[in-house]
Amino acid sequence: MPKPTLSLLPILAFLLIPLPAMSEMVSGGPLSIGELSQRSEFVLIGRVVTVMSEWNKARTVILTRVQVVAQESLKGSARAKERVAFVQLGGKVGEIVSAVGGSPSFVEGERVLLFLSRKPDGLLGLVGQFQGKFRVETDPVSRVELAVRRLPGSDKVLDRMPLDQARFEISQGTRRNS
């Protein structure tokens, strides 16, 4: 008697559903810093301290919980040295991997600029999936700190600007929101 196999059809169907962040990108390019700022409850610069994937309570979805120590709050009430946690779909638990198109990856120790808002379940999540994550990098020649946004799963740079310029654009975006 043949062993039953897990049908990949529901998984493939889910992966083929257009996600809002990807459709926004196709229809007009990635969200600008100003748009991200307006849609965010919190904007902060910080360092990733933990990345942990786990099953949800019903064991139907893998979630990745990311915890960041805030270094600078650009919008919202996060204070320096405060830990801010958010959740995104996908991750790896044991040998099972759940990949969600448009979700960025996080590495402990990396410095990031994040745009976060509350989801319907009350948890924080990235605004526009990968669009809400910029990696903070230092230019090797000028030593200027840069905010760099990449397409998930690749090294393709979508945005690269001095961090001070990003701060300015965030302040302009939050003023328009007031």
Protein backbone atom coordinates (compact mmCIF):
# COMPACT_ATOMS: atom_id res chain seq x y z
CA MET A 1 0.00 0.00 0.00
CA PRO A 2 1.59 3.34 -1.00
CA LYS A 3 2.32 5.86 1.73
CA PRO A 4 0.12 8.97 1.66
CA THR A 5 2.01 12.03 0.50
CA LEU A 6 1.48 15.62 1.48
CA SER A 7 -0.09 17.48 -1.38
CA LEU A 8 1.96 20.49 -2.44
CA LEU A 9 -0.98 22.07 -4.25
CA PRO A 10 -2.28 24.15 -1.28
CA ILE A 11 1.27 25.31 -0.50
CA LEU A 12 1.96 26.25 -4.12
CA ALA A 13 -1.40 28.00 -4.39
CA PHE A 14 -0.58 30.07 -1.30
CA LEU A 15 2.80 31.05 -2.69
CA LEU A 16 1.24 32.14 -5.97
CA ILE A 17 -1.30 34.47 -4.35
CA PRO A 18 -0.13 38.05 -4.96
CA LEU A 19 0.85 39.63 -1.68
CA PRO A 20 0.03 43.30 -1.04
CA ALA A 21 3.66 44.39 -0.72
CA MET A 22 4.62 42.74 -3.98
CA SER A 23 1.59 44.12 -5.84
CA GLU A 24 2.37 47.62 -4.55
CA MET A 25 5.86 47.23 -5.89
CA VAL A 26 4.74 46.02 -9.30
CA SER A 27 2.19 48.81 -9.67
CA GLY A 28 4.44 51.72 -8.76
CA GLY A 29 7.78 50.68 -7.37
CA PRO A 30 8.69 50.24 -3.73
CA LEU A 31 7.10 52.46 -1.10
CA SER A 32 9.10 55.61 -0.45
CA ILE A 33 10.55 56.44 2.96
CA GLY A 34 7.80 59.08 3.33
CA GLU A 35 5.05 56.56 2.50
CA LEU A 36 6.54 53.99 4.87
CA SER A 37 6.74 56.65 7.62
CA GLN A 38 3.10 57.63 7.15
CA ARG A 39 1.95 53.99 7.35
CA SER A 40 4.09 53.16 10.40
CA GLU A 41 3.34 53.32 14.09
CA PHE A 42 7.03 52.88 14.94
CA VAL A 43 10.18 53.73 13.00
CA LEU A 44 13.45 52.85 14.65
CA ILE A 45 17.11 52.10 14.15
CA GLY A 46 18.36 49.16 16.15
CA ARG A 47 20.35 45.96 16.33
CA VAL A 48 18.79 42.51 15.85
CA VAL A 49 19.35 40.45 19.00
CA THR A 50 17.20 37.36 18.41
CA VAL A 51 15.58 35.62 15.45
CA MET A 52 13.43 32.64 16.40
CA SER A 53 10.97 30.64 14.31
CA GLU A 54 8.13 28.63 15.82
CA TRP A 55 4.76 27.14 15.02
CA ASN A 56 1.66 29.14 15.83
CA LYS A 57 -0.63 27.69 18.54
CA ALA A 58 -2.68 25.73 15.99
CA ARG A 59 0.53 24.39 14.33
CA THR A 60 -0.72 25.59 10.94
CA VAL A 61 1.80 28.36 10.23
CA ILE A 62 5.46 29.00 11.04
CA LEU A 63 6.16 32.47 12.40
CA THR A 64 9.49 34.19 12.91
CA ARG A 65 9.81 36.45 15.93
CA VAL A 66 12.50 39.08 15.62
CA GLN A 67 13.70 41.10 18.58
CA VAL A 68 15.61 44.34 18.10
CA VAL A 69 17.28 46.58 20.68
CA ALA A 70 16.28 50.12 19.76
CA GLN A 71 19.19 52.53 19.36
CA GLU A 72 17.18 55.45 18.02
CA SER A 73 13.43 56.05 17.78
CA LEU A 74 12.38 58.08 14.74
CA LYS A 75 8.63 57.66 15.26
CA GLY A 76 6.63 56.15 18.11
CA SER A 77 7.44 55.52 21.72
CA ALA A 78 10.38 53.08 21.60
CA ARG A 79 13.19 54.24 23.87
CA ALA A 80 16.92 53.63 23.48
CA LYS A 81 17.97 50.19 24.72
CA GLU A 82 14.34 49.02 24.74
CA ARG A 83 13.66 45.66 23.10
CA VAL A 84 11.08 45.78 20.34
CA ALA A 85 9.66 42.51 19.00
CA PHE A 86 7.77 41.88 15.78
CA VAL A 87 6.53 38.86 13.87
CA GLN A 88 6.53 37.81 10.23
CA LEU A 89 5.23 34.77 8.38
CA GLY A 90 7.66 32.03 7.45
CA GLY A 91 10.77 30.53 8.95
CA LYS A 92 12.35 27.18 9.76
CA VAL A 93 11.36 24.81 12.56
CA GLY A 94 13.41 21.63 12.62
CA GLU A 95 13.54 20.34 9.05
CA ILE A 96 10.41 22.20 7.95
CA VAL A 97 10.89 25.47 6.06
CA SER A 98 8.11 27.90 5.29
CA ALA A 99 9.13 30.57 2.77
CA VAL A 100 6.86 33.53 2.11
CA GLY A 101 7.55 35.69 -0.91
CA GLY A 102 8.35 39.26 0.05
CA SER A 103 9.56 38.44 3.56
CA PRO A 104 13.06 39.66 4.38
CA SER A 105 15.54 37.67 6.39
CA PHE A 106 17.15 38.86 9.60
CA VAL A 107 20.51 37.98 11.12
CA GLU A 108 21.43 38.41 14.76
CA GLY A 109 23.81 41.34 15.13
CA GLU A 110 22.76 43.21 11.99
CA ARG A 111 21.85 46.87 12.33
CA VAL A 112 18.52 47.84 10.76
CA LEU A 113 16.13 50.69 10.08
CA LEU A 114 12.59 49.33 10.55
CA PHE A 115 9.10 50.57 9.74
CA LEU A 116 6.58 48.77 11.96
CA SER A 117 2.83 48.85 12.52
CA ARG A 118 0.31 46.80 14.49
CA LYS A 119 -1.38 43.96 12.70
CA PRO A 120 -5.03 42.99 13.36
CA ASP A 121 -3.85 40.44 15.96
CA GLY A 122 -2.15 43.25 17.93
CA LEU A 123 1.40 42.14 17.16
CA LEU A 124 3.89 44.37 15.38
CA GLY A 125 4.90 43.59 11.82
CA LEU A 126 6.89 45.20 9.03
CA VAL A 127 5.09 47.71 6.84
CA GLY A 128 5.02 46.37 3.27
CA GLN A 129 6.95 43.20 4.21
CA PHE A 130 10.53 43.57 2.93
CA GLN A 131 9.88 47.22 2.12
CA GLY A 132 9.88 48.03 5.84
CA LYS A 133 13.43 46.78 6.38
CA PHE A 134 16.59 48.68 5.53
CA ARG A 135 19.97 47.38 6.58
CA VAL A 136 22.30 50.02 8.07
CA GLU A 137 25.72 49.66 6.46
CA THR A 138 28.87 51.76 6.46
CA ASP A 139 30.30 52.80 3.09
CA PRO A 140 33.86 51.39 3.05
CA VAL A 141 35.31 54.47 1.31
CA SER A 142 33.46 57.47 2.78
CA ARG A 143 32.64 55.79 6.15
CA VAL A 144 29.12 57.30 5.84
CA GLU A 145 26.28 55.23 7.32
CA LEU A 146 23.82 54.12 4.63
CA ALA A 147 20.26 52.80 4.69
CA VAL A 148 20.13 49.97 2.13
CA ARG A 149 16.99 48.12 1.02
CA ARG A 150 17.40 44.91 -0.97
CA LEU A 151 15.06 42.59 -2.78
CA PRO A 152 14.57 39.53 -0.52
CA GLY A 153 16.67 36.51 -1.37
CA SER A 154 19.08 38.49 -3.54
CA ASP A 155 21.78 41.11 -3.35
CA LYS A 156 19.81 43.43 -5.66
CA VAL A 157 19.80 46.91 -4.08
CA LEU A 158 16.50 48.78 -4.44
CA ASP A 159 17.47 51.85 -2.39
CA ARG A 160 20.74 53.14 -0.99
CA MET A 161 20.94 56.50 0.74
CA PRO A 162 22.86 58.16 3.55
CA LEU A 163 21.19 57.36 6.88
CA ASP A 164 20.95 61.09 7.63
CA GLN A 165 18.90 61.56 4.44
CA ALA A 166 16.61 58.71 5.51
CA ARG A 167 16.18 60.38 8.93
CA PHE A 168 15.23 63.64 7.21
CA GLU A 169 12.71 61.95 4.89
CA ILE A 170 11.20 60.09 7.87
CA SER A 171 10.77 63.36 9.77
CA GLN A 172 9.07 64.90 6.70
CA GLY A 173 6.79 61.85 6.32
CA THR A 174 5.77 61.88 9.98
CA ARG A 175 4.99 65.62 9.85
CA ARG A 176 2.59 65.08 6.94
CA ASN A 177 0.89 62.39 9.00
CA SER A 178 0.23 64.74 11.94
